[in-house]
Amino acid sequence: MTPIIFEESGFRVEAPVPAFRLADLPPYRLLSGKRLKEMDVGWWGPSQEGQQRLTLLELKGLEVWQTTPDNPATPREHLVRTCVEKATDTLLMLAGAWTPTSWGTELSRSLPTQALPYPGDKALKLVFLIDIPVGQRELLLPVRDEINGRLQGRLGIFGMRRVSVVDFEAAQKMGLPVTRL
């Protein structure tokens, strides 16, 4: 096995083995185009605390800050909604892989064995790396709070408290396998 290496949203990712991209898996492709969203990459490995966990990463480039909001009262609604949908659908697909339905069984066969069965409370980490213009890091805080607020119940089902919403600098400090292009 080799690491998964790809470029997206202004970043290069070298996800360590064992890694996967849901978008590349046949079971996901069967349902793509049917309003199902996925996070960019997942891998199994040690956390900063040394325990094993499944990390799921979504990348968003600088362009997310350049879009004109539909409603000036909620300027980042599209970004928040997209992140919430990606987290929800990804968790739902993983739950499917942990359930013996025909689709779930096919997905489970496509995932690294370390991701099966459900790894337990605190063994899942969702990270949204959202690039941000220099000097505007404070824009990320309300986005982070809104995403976590909307996901609170769903995260609880999977034994998580929060998702991480970080900029590139914080991603580097976390040791994520990401470089900027």
C-alpha atoms as a PDB file:
ATOM      1  CA  MET A   1       0.000   0.000   0.000  1.00  0.00           C
ATOM      2  CA  THR A   2       1.105   3.540  -0.733  1.00  0.00           C
ATOM      3  CA  PRO A   3      -0.136   6.860   0.631  1.00  0.00           C
ATOM      4  CA  ILE A   4      -2.932   8.640  -1.222  1.00  0.00           C
ATOM      5  CA  ILE A   5      -1.500  11.791  -2.800  1.00  0.00           C
ATOM      6  CA  PHE A   6      -3.710  14.391  -4.445  1.00  0.00           C
ATOM      7  CA  GLU A   7      -4.098  18.144  -4.972  1.00  0.00           C
ATOM      8  CA  GLU A   8      -7.281  20.024  -4.271  1.00  0.00           C
ATOM      9  CA  SER A   9      -8.404  23.534  -3.308  1.00  0.00           C
ATOM     10  CA  GLY A  10      -4.838  24.867  -3.334  1.00  0.00           C
ATOM     11  CA  PHE A  11      -3.432  22.084  -1.140  1.00  0.00           C
ATOM     12  CA  ARG A  12      -1.417  18.920  -1.642  1.00  0.00           C
ATOM     13  CA  VAL A  13      -2.343  16.016   0.627  1.00  0.00           C
ATOM     14  CA  GLU A  14      -0.237  12.935   1.327  1.00  0.00           C
ATOM     15  CA  ALA A  15      -2.614  10.856   3.407  1.00  0.00           C
ATOM     16  CA  PRO A  16      -0.747   8.087   5.228  1.00  0.00           C
ATOM     17  CA  VAL A  17      -1.511   4.395   4.808  1.00  0.00           C
ATOM     18  CA  PRO A  18      -4.167   3.162   5.344  1.00  0.00           C
ATOM     19  CA  ALA A  19      -6.127   5.907   3.609  1.00  0.00           C
ATOM     20  CA  PHE A  20      -9.168   6.175   1.360  1.00  0.00           C
ATOM     21  CA  ARG A  21     -11.155   8.645  -0.696  1.00  0.00           C
ATOM     22  CA  LEU A  22     -14.864   7.892  -0.671  1.00  0.00           C
ATOM     23  CA  ALA A  23     -15.173   9.592  -4.083  1.00  0.00           C
ATOM     24  CA  ASP A  24     -12.914   6.890  -5.569  1.00  0.00           C
ATOM     25  CA  LEU A  25     -14.817   3.925  -4.151  1.00  0.00           C
ATOM     26  CA  PRO A  26     -17.322   2.052  -6.377  1.00  0.00           C
ATOM     27  CA  PRO A  27     -20.135   2.022  -3.762  1.00  0.00           C
ATOM     28  CA  TYR A  28     -19.952   5.812  -3.437  1.00  0.00           C
ATOM     29  CA  ARG A  29     -19.865   6.276  -7.211  1.00  0.00           C
ATOM     30  CA  LEU A  30     -23.104   4.274  -7.463  1.00  0.00           C
ATOM     31  CA  LEU A  31     -24.824   6.996  -5.439  1.00  0.00           C
ATOM     32  CA  SER A  32     -22.883  10.076  -6.530  1.00  0.00           C
ATOM     33  CA  GLY A  33     -25.085  12.561  -8.308  1.00  0.00           C
ATOM     34  CA  LYS A  34     -27.928  11.715  -5.925  1.00  0.00           C
ATOM     35  CA  ARG A  35     -27.302  14.570  -3.498  1.00  0.00           C
ATOM     36  CA  LEU A  36     -24.734  12.614  -1.476  1.00  0.00           C
ATOM     37  CA  LYS A  37     -21.610  14.490  -0.398  1.00  0.00           C
ATOM     38  CA  GLU A  38     -18.318  13.185   0.940  1.00  0.00           C
ATOM     39  CA  MET A  39     -15.290  14.532   2.740  1.00  0.00           C
ATOM     40  CA  ASP A  40     -12.082  14.563   0.677  1.00  0.00           C
ATOM     41  CA  VAL A  41      -9.971  11.908   2.400  1.00  0.00           C
ATOM     42  CA  GLY A  42      -9.791   9.673   5.436  1.00  0.00           C
ATOM     43  CA  TRP A  43      -6.951   7.764   7.089  1.00  0.00           C
ATOM     44  CA  TRP A  44      -6.323   5.635  10.134  1.00  0.00           C
ATOM     45  CA  GLY A  45      -3.441   6.530  12.405  1.00  0.00           C
ATOM     46  CA  PRO A  46      -2.310   7.847  15.770  1.00  0.00           C
ATOM     47  CA  SER A  47      -3.717  11.073  17.189  1.00  0.00           C
ATOM     48  CA  GLN A  48      -1.468  13.638  18.857  1.00  0.00           C
ATOM     49  CA  GLU A  49      -2.355  11.872  22.130  1.00  0.00           C
ATOM     50  CA  GLY A  50      -1.092   8.581  20.692  1.00  0.00           C
ATOM     51  CA  GLN A  51      -4.409   6.724  20.410  1.00  0.00           C
ATOM     52  CA  GLN A  52      -5.518   5.289  17.056  1.00  0.00           C
ATOM     53  CA  ARG A  53      -8.301   7.095  15.238  1.00  0.00           C
ATOM     54  CA  LEU A  54      -9.976   7.631  11.895  1.00  0.00           C
ATOM     55  CA  THR A  55      -9.389  11.179  10.642  1.00  0.00           C
ATOM     56  CA  LEU A  56     -11.595  12.600   7.904  1.00  0.00           C
ATOM     57  CA  LEU A  57     -10.436  15.772   6.147  1.00  0.00           C
ATOM     58  CA  GLU A  58     -12.265  18.273   3.952  1.00  0.00           C
ATOM     59  CA  LEU A  59     -10.365  21.008   2.101  1.00  0.00           C
ATOM     60  CA  LYS A  60     -11.738  24.432   1.195  1.00  0.00           C
ATOM     61  CA  GLY A  61      -9.640  26.999  -0.680  1.00  0.00           C
ATOM     62  CA  LEU A  62      -9.524  30.784  -0.514  1.00  0.00           C
ATOM     63  CA  GLU A  63     -12.312  31.075  -3.083  1.00  0.00           C
ATOM     64  CA  VAL A  64     -14.927  30.359  -0.386  1.00  0.00           C
ATOM     65  CA  TRP A  65     -14.307  33.869   1.011  1.00  0.00           C
ATOM     66  CA  GLN A  66     -14.748  35.537  -2.393  1.00  0.00           C
ATOM     67  CA  THR A  67     -18.324  34.479  -3.074  1.00  0.00           C
ATOM     68  CA  THR A  68     -21.098  37.031  -2.707  1.00  0.00           C
ATOM     69  CA  PRO A  69     -23.533  35.952  -0.003  1.00  0.00           C
ATOM     70  CA  ASP A  70     -27.157  35.275  -0.921  1.00  0.00           C
ATOM     71  CA  ASN A  71     -28.150  36.925   2.346  1.00  0.00           C
ATOM     72  CA  PRO A  72     -25.822  39.551   3.871  1.00  0.00           C
ATOM     73  CA  ALA A  73     -27.174  38.674   7.327  1.00  0.00           C
ATOM     74  CA  THR A  74     -25.668  35.177   6.965  1.00  0.00           C
ATOM     75  CA  PRO A  75     -22.605  35.770   4.764  1.00  0.00           C
ATOM     76  CA  ARG A  76     -21.052  32.302   5.141  1.00  0.00           C
ATOM     77  CA  GLU A  77     -24.231  30.217   5.016  1.00  0.00           C
ATOM     78  CA  HIS A  78     -23.214  28.308   1.879  1.00  0.00           C
ATOM     79  CA  LEU A  79     -19.847  27.343   3.419  1.00  0.00           C
ATOM     80  CA  VAL A  80     -21.448  26.266   6.702  1.00  0.00           C
ATOM     81  CA  ARG A  81     -24.221  24.331   4.977  1.00  0.00           C
ATOM     82  CA  THR A  82     -21.762  22.545   2.676  1.00  0.00           C
ATOM     83  CA  CYS A  83     -19.546  21.507   5.595  1.00  0.00           C
ATOM     84  CA  VAL A  84     -22.516  20.282   7.627  1.00  0.00           C
ATOM     85  CA  GLU A  85     -23.822  18.271   4.657  1.00  0.00           C
ATOM     86  CA  LYS A  86     -20.406  16.735   3.979  1.00  0.00           C
ATOM     87  CA  ALA A  87     -19.956  15.742   7.628  1.00  0.00           C
ATOM     88  CA  THR A  88     -23.484  14.338   7.883  1.00  0.00           C
ATOM     89  CA  ASP A  89     -23.300  12.329   4.671  1.00  0.00           C
ATOM     90  CA  THR A  90     -19.811  11.001   5.438  1.00  0.00           C
ATOM     91  CA  LEU A  91     -20.873   9.844   8.897  1.00  0.00           C
ATOM     92  CA  LEU A  92     -23.989   8.284   7.397  1.00  0.00           C
ATOM     93  CA  MET A  93     -21.905   6.386   4.837  1.00  0.00           C
ATOM     94  CA  LEU A  94     -19.559   5.130   7.548  1.00  0.00           C
ATOM     95  CA  ALA A  95     -22.570   3.989   9.571  1.00  0.00           C
ATOM     96  CA  GLY A  96     -23.689   2.214   6.414  1.00  0.00           C
ATOM     97  CA  ALA A  97     -20.338   0.442   6.227  1.00  0.00           C
ATOM     98  CA  TRP A  98     -20.848  -0.697   9.816  1.00  0.00           C
ATOM     99  CA  THR A  99     -24.336  -2.041   8.963  1.00  0.00           C
ATOM    100  CA  PRO A 100     -24.938  -5.263   7.014  1.00  0.00           C
ATOM    101  CA  THR A 101     -27.022  -3.794   4.172  1.00  0.00           C
ATOM    102  CA  SER A 102     -25.998  -4.710   0.632  1.00  0.00           C
ATOM    103  CA  TRP A 103     -24.627  -1.204  -0.017  1.00  0.00           C
ATOM    104  CA  GLY A 104     -22.961  -1.055   3.405  1.00  0.00           C
ATOM    105  CA  THR A 105     -21.320  -4.426   2.866  1.00  0.00           C
ATOM    106  CA  GLU A 106     -19.913  -3.245  -0.470  1.00  0.00           C
ATOM    107  CA  LEU A 107     -18.572  -0.059   1.117  1.00  0.00           C
ATOM    108  CA  SER A 108     -17.032  -1.992   3.999  1.00  0.00           C
ATOM    109  CA  ARG A 109     -15.164  -4.172   1.487  1.00  0.00           C
ATOM    110  CA  SER A 110     -13.730  -1.002  -0.093  1.00  0.00           C
ATOM    111  CA  LEU A 111     -12.518   0.610   3.147  1.00  0.00           C
ATOM    112  CA  PRO A 112      -9.294  -0.152   5.030  1.00  0.00           C
ATOM    113  CA  THR A 113      -9.929  -2.901   7.575  1.00  0.00           C
ATOM    114  CA  GLN A 114      -8.890  -0.537  10.396  1.00  0.00           C
ATOM    115  CA  ALA A 115     -12.038   1.529   9.742  1.00  0.00           C
ATOM    116  CA  LEU A 116     -14.235  -1.494  10.494  1.00  0.00           C
ATOM    117  CA  PRO A 117     -16.182  -2.013  12.674  1.00  0.00           C
ATOM    118  CA  TYR A 118     -17.136   1.261  14.395  1.00  0.00           C
ATOM    119  CA  PRO A 119     -13.880   2.329  16.075  1.00  0.00           C
ATOM    120  CA  GLY A 120     -15.532   3.641  19.276  1.00  0.00           C
ATOM    121  CA  ASP A 121     -16.110   6.944  21.010  1.00  0.00           C
ATOM    122  CA  LYS A 122     -13.402   9.573  20.447  1.00  0.00           C
ATOM    123  CA  ALA A 123     -11.842   7.455  17.664  1.00  0.00           C
ATOM    124  CA  LEU A 124     -13.296   9.611  14.863  1.00  0.00           C
ATOM    125  CA  LYS A 125     -12.045  13.101  14.015  1.00  0.00           C
ATOM    126  CA  LEU A 126     -13.547  15.371  11.377  1.00  0.00           C
ATOM    127  CA  VAL A 127     -11.381  18.277  10.216  1.00  0.00           C
ATOM    128  CA  PHE A 128     -12.351  21.110   7.888  1.00  0.00           C
ATOM    129  CA  LEU A 129      -9.246  22.893   6.607  1.00  0.00           C
ATOM    130  CA  ILE A 130     -10.503  26.216   5.285  1.00  0.00           C
ATOM    131  CA  ASP A 131      -7.835  28.448   3.794  1.00  0.00           C
ATOM    132  CA  ILE A 132      -8.259  32.065   4.780  1.00  0.00           C
ATOM    133  CA  PRO A 133      -6.691  35.354   3.699  1.00  0.00           C
ATOM    134  CA  VAL A 134      -3.812  36.530   5.863  1.00  0.00           C
ATOM    135  CA  GLY A 135      -5.016  38.717   8.722  1.00  0.00           C
ATOM    136  CA  GLN A 136      -8.637  37.535   8.542  1.00  0.00           C
ATOM    137  CA  ARG A 137      -8.451  34.455  10.746  1.00  0.00           C
ATOM    138  CA  GLU A 138     -11.231  35.829  12.960  1.00  0.00           C
ATOM    139  CA  LEU A 139     -13.702  35.071  10.129  1.00  0.00           C
ATOM    140  CA  LEU A 140     -13.189  31.377  10.829  1.00  0.00           C
ATOM    141  CA  LEU A 141     -14.452  31.501  14.428  1.00  0.00           C
ATOM    142  CA  PRO A 142     -18.161  32.108  13.691  1.00  0.00           C
ATOM    143  CA  VAL A 143     -18.011  29.520  10.892  1.00  0.00           C
ATOM    144  CA  ARG A 144     -16.513  26.974  13.310  1.00  0.00           C
ATOM    145  CA  ASP A 145     -19.105  27.719  15.977  1.00  0.00           C
ATOM    146  CA  GLU A 146     -22.018  27.498  13.535  1.00  0.00           C
ATOM    147  CA  ILE A 147     -20.822  24.197  12.024  1.00  0.00           C
ATOM    148  CA  ASN A 148     -20.365  22.671  15.476  1.00  0.00           C
ATOM    149  CA  GLY A 149     -23.723  23.982  16.664  1.00  0.00           C
ATOM    150  CA  ARG A 150     -25.567  22.440  13.741  1.00  0.00           C
ATOM    151  CA  LEU A 151     -23.708  19.128  14.021  1.00  0.00           C
ATOM    152  CA  GLN A 152     -23.887  18.756  17.815  1.00  0.00           C
ATOM    153  CA  GLY A 153     -26.568  16.035  17.877  1.00  0.00           C
ATOM    154  CA  ARG A 154     -25.088  14.094  14.963  1.00  0.00           C
ATOM    155  CA  LEU A 155     -21.631  14.164  16.510  1.00  0.00           C
ATOM    156  CA  GLY A 156     -23.019  12.867  19.795  1.00  0.00           C
ATOM    157  CA  ILE A 157     -24.382   9.802  18.012  1.00  0.00           C
ATOM    158  CA  PHE A 158     -20.815   8.954  16.951  1.00  0.00           C
ATOM    159  CA  GLY A 159     -19.162   9.721  20.287  1.00  0.00           C
ATOM    160  CA  MET A 160     -17.674  13.052  19.200  1.00  0.00           C
ATOM    161  CA  ARG A 161     -17.983  16.457  20.808  1.00  0.00           C
ATOM    162  CA  ARG A 162     -16.774  18.776  18.064  1.00  0.00           C
ATOM    163  CA  VAL A 163     -15.302  18.957  14.604  1.00  0.00           C
ATOM    164  CA  SER A 164     -12.131  20.925  13.966  1.00  0.00           C
ATOM    165  CA  VAL A 165     -12.377  23.936  11.677  1.00  0.00           C
ATOM    166  CA  VAL A 166      -8.842  25.162  11.065  1.00  0.00           C
ATOM    167  CA  ASP A 167      -6.732  27.341   8.821  1.00  0.00           C
ATOM    168  CA  PHE A 168      -3.497  26.162   7.208  1.00  0.00           C
ATOM    169  CA  GLU A 169      -1.321  27.295  10.128  1.00  0.00           C
ATOM    170  CA  ALA A 170      -3.406  25.326  12.626  1.00  0.00           C
ATOM    171  CA  ALA A 171      -3.412  22.319  10.274  1.00  0.00           C
ATOM    172  CA  GLN A 172       0.390  22.373  10.285  1.00  0.00           C
ATOM    173  CA  LYS A 173       0.461  22.509  14.092  1.00  0.00           C
ATOM    174  CA  MET A 174      -1.934  19.532  14.185  1.00  0.00           C
ATOM    175  CA  GLY A 175       0.485  17.585  12.005  1.00  0.00           C
ATOM    176  CA  LEU A 176      -1.991  17.095   9.152  1.00  0.00           C
ATOM    177  CA  PRO A 177      -0.338  15.725   5.982  1.00  0.00           C
ATOM    178  CA  VAL A 178      -1.087  18.885   3.972  1.00  0.00           C
ATOM    179  CA  THR A 179       1.080  21.439   2.172  1.00  0.00           C
ATOM    180  CA  ARG A 180       0.015  24.562   0.340  1.00  0.00           C
ATOM    181  CA  LEU A 181       0.522  24.663  -3.430  1.00  0.00           C
END
